[in-house]
């Protein structure tokens, strides 16, 4: 499988994510954990959740614009079956609940706040990711 190493783009993207998380914490007093933002936006219909819907829209629109304008992708092809994607999504949701947060909340915001719980959670996320990639590429031959 061919990969493209883009250190400058990756560094700039990481800096933008960090800046967005920092601004959300400073200006709104909220942690930029996507699972918490989405979960609360769905369950809290009050006007106070308006910023959450704007945040979610910005993620989707920004990702779409970057995919189309920067990468040049005009068509997305799924490489996995729909049932597998559904199971994967449910497992991610279960892991998010089990870990009391997602990679963005723990990895970006929690480590930045020197949270011990977030450091353990992020190490767990990374270990599971390493094992998953190894199994996918070397055991299943994907």
Protein backbone atom coordinates (compact mmCIF):
# COMPACT_ATOMS: atom_id res chain seq x y z
CA UNK A 1 0.00 0.00 0.00
CA UNK A 2 1.46 3.34 -1.03
CA UNK A 3 1.42 6.22 1.39
CA UNK A 4 2.39 9.85 0.97
CA UNK A 5 4.55 11.49 3.62
CA UNK A 6 3.50 15.13 4.02
CA UNK A 7 5.22 16.56 7.10
CA UNK A 8 4.50 20.24 6.37
CA UNK A 9 0.80 19.72 5.66
CA UNK A 10 0.54 17.44 8.70
CA UNK A 11 2.25 19.98 10.94
CA UNK A 12 0.02 22.80 9.71
CA UNK A 13 -3.10 20.68 10.15
CA UNK A 14 -2.07 19.72 13.66
CA UNK A 15 -1.40 23.35 14.52
CA UNK A 16 -4.86 24.36 13.25
CA UNK A 17 -6.51 21.61 15.29
CA UNK A 18 -4.59 22.71 18.38
CA UNK A 19 -5.48 26.35 17.79
CA UNK A 20 -9.17 25.50 17.36
CA UNK A 21 -9.15 23.43 20.56
CA UNK A 22 -7.37 26.20 22.44
CA UNK A 23 -9.77 28.89 21.22
CA UNK A 24 -12.81 26.78 22.12
CA UNK A 25 -11.44 26.30 25.63
CA UNK A 26 -10.44 29.94 26.11
CA UNK A 27 -13.49 31.57 24.54
CA UNK A 28 -16.21 29.09 25.47
CA UNK A 29 -14.76 27.08 28.36
CA UNK A 30 -15.49 23.85 26.47
CA UNK A 31 -13.28 20.88 25.60
CA UNK A 32 -13.10 20.10 21.88
CA UNK A 33 -14.00 16.43 22.27
CA UNK A 34 -16.02 15.54 19.19
CA UNK A 35 -17.98 12.71 20.80
CA UNK A 36 -19.10 15.03 23.60
CA UNK A 37 -19.94 17.83 21.20
CA UNK A 38 -22.00 15.56 18.92
CA UNK A 39 -23.65 13.69 21.80
CA UNK A 40 -24.72 16.88 23.53
CA UNK A 41 -25.86 18.50 20.27
CA UNK A 42 -28.18 15.55 19.66
CA UNK A 43 -29.56 15.31 23.20
CA UNK A 44 -29.77 19.04 24.07
CA UNK A 45 -32.08 20.90 21.70
CA UNK A 46 -31.76 24.25 23.48
CA UNK A 47 -30.32 27.37 21.89
CA UNK A 48 -27.15 26.83 23.96
CA UNK A 49 -26.22 23.97 21.60
CA UNK A 50 -26.10 26.21 18.53
CA UNK A 51 -22.31 26.48 18.68
CA UNK A 52 -22.09 22.67 18.68
CA UNK A 53 -24.00 22.42 15.41
CA UNK A 54 -21.78 25.14 13.92
CA UNK A 55 -18.70 23.22 15.07
CA UNK A 56 -19.99 19.98 13.51
CA UNK A 57 -20.90 21.78 10.27
CA UNK A 58 -17.43 23.34 10.16
CA UNK A 59 -15.81 19.92 10.53
CA UNK A 60 -17.88 18.43 7.72
CA UNK A 61 -17.62 21.41 5.37
CA UNK A 62 -13.92 21.96 6.05
CA UNK A 63 -13.16 18.29 5.43
CA UNK A 64 -15.20 18.27 2.24
CA UNK A 65 -13.58 21.42 0.90
CA UNK A 66 -10.09 20.13 1.72
CA UNK A 67 -10.83 16.78 0.08
CA UNK A 68 -12.14 18.36 -3.09
CA UNK A 69 -9.96 21.48 -3.41
CA UNK A 70 -6.63 20.35 -1.98
CA UNK A 71 -6.55 16.62 -2.62
CA UNK A 72 -8.65 16.75 -5.79
CA UNK A 73 -10.96 13.87 -4.88
CA UNK A 74 -14.30 14.09 -6.67
CA UNK A 75 -15.57 10.61 -5.89
CA UNK A 76 -15.22 8.55 -2.72
CA UNK A 77 -15.00 4.79 -3.05
CA UNK A 78 -15.59 2.68 0.03
CA UNK A 79 -13.16 -0.22 0.38
CA UNK A 80 -15.24 -2.03 3.00
CA UNK A 81 -18.77 -3.39 3.02
CA UNK A 82 -21.58 -1.38 4.57
CA UNK A 83 -22.16 -3.96 7.38
CA UNK A 84 -18.45 -3.82 8.29
CA UNK A 85 -18.55 -0.02 8.38
CA UNK A 86 -21.62 -0.11 10.63
CA UNK A 87 -19.97 -2.58 13.02
CA UNK A 88 -16.78 -0.47 13.03
CA UNK A 89 -18.78 2.67 13.82
CA UNK A 90 -20.62 0.94 16.66
CA UNK A 91 -17.32 -0.32 18.09
CA UNK A 92 -15.86 3.19 17.95
CA UNK A 93 -18.96 4.54 19.71
CA UNK A 94 -18.72 1.84 22.36
CA UNK A 95 -15.03 2.55 22.89
CA UNK A 96 -15.75 6.25 23.18
CA UNK A 97 -18.29 5.60 25.93
CA UNK A 98 -16.01 3.09 27.64
CA UNK A 99 -13.07 5.50 27.57
CA UNK A 100 -15.17 8.51 28.64
CA UNK A 101 -14.19 10.42 25.53
CA UNK A 102 -12.71 10.20 22.07
CA UNK A 103 -9.27 10.68 20.59
CA UNK A 104 -9.83 14.40 20.10
CA UNK A 105 -10.99 14.99 23.66
CA UNK A 106 -8.28 12.87 25.26
CA UNK A 107 -5.47 13.10 22.71
CA UNK A 108 -5.64 16.75 21.74
CA UNK A 109 -7.22 18.45 24.73
CA UNK A 110 -6.53 16.07 27.61
CA UNK A 111 -2.82 15.65 26.99
CA UNK A 112 -2.53 19.41 26.51
CA UNK A 113 -4.02 19.82 29.99
CA UNK A 114 -1.63 17.14 31.36
CA UNK A 115 -4.53 14.86 32.34
CA UNK A 116 -3.25 11.47 33.51
CA UNK A 117 -6.51 9.79 32.51
CA UNK A 118 -6.20 11.24 29.01
CA UNK A 119 -2.60 10.07 28.69
CA UNK A 120 -3.61 6.51 29.59
CA UNK A 121 -6.61 6.67 27.22
CA UNK A 122 -4.48 8.00 24.35
CA UNK A 123 -1.84 5.28 24.86
CA UNK A 124 -4.65 2.71 24.80
CA UNK A 125 -6.10 4.20 21.58
CA UNK A 126 -2.68 4.11 19.94
CA UNK A 127 -1.91 0.53 21.07
CA UNK A 128 -5.23 -0.69 19.69
CA UNK A 129 -4.58 1.21 16.43
CA UNK A 130 -1.13 -0.41 16.07
CA UNK A 131 -2.57 -3.88 16.63
CA UNK A 132 -5.45 -3.22 14.22
CA UNK A 133 -3.11 -2.07 11.44
CA UNK A 134 -0.80 -5.04 12.02
CA UNK A 135 -3.67 -7.53 11.88
CA UNK A 136 -5.22 -5.83 8.83
CA UNK A 137 -1.98 -5.66 6.84
CA UNK A 138 -0.05 -8.74 7.96
CA UNK A 139 -2.57 -11.27 9.24
CA UNK A 140 -5.57 -10.64 6.98
CA UNK A 141 -3.43 -9.39 4.09
CA UNK A 142 -5.40 -6.20 3.43
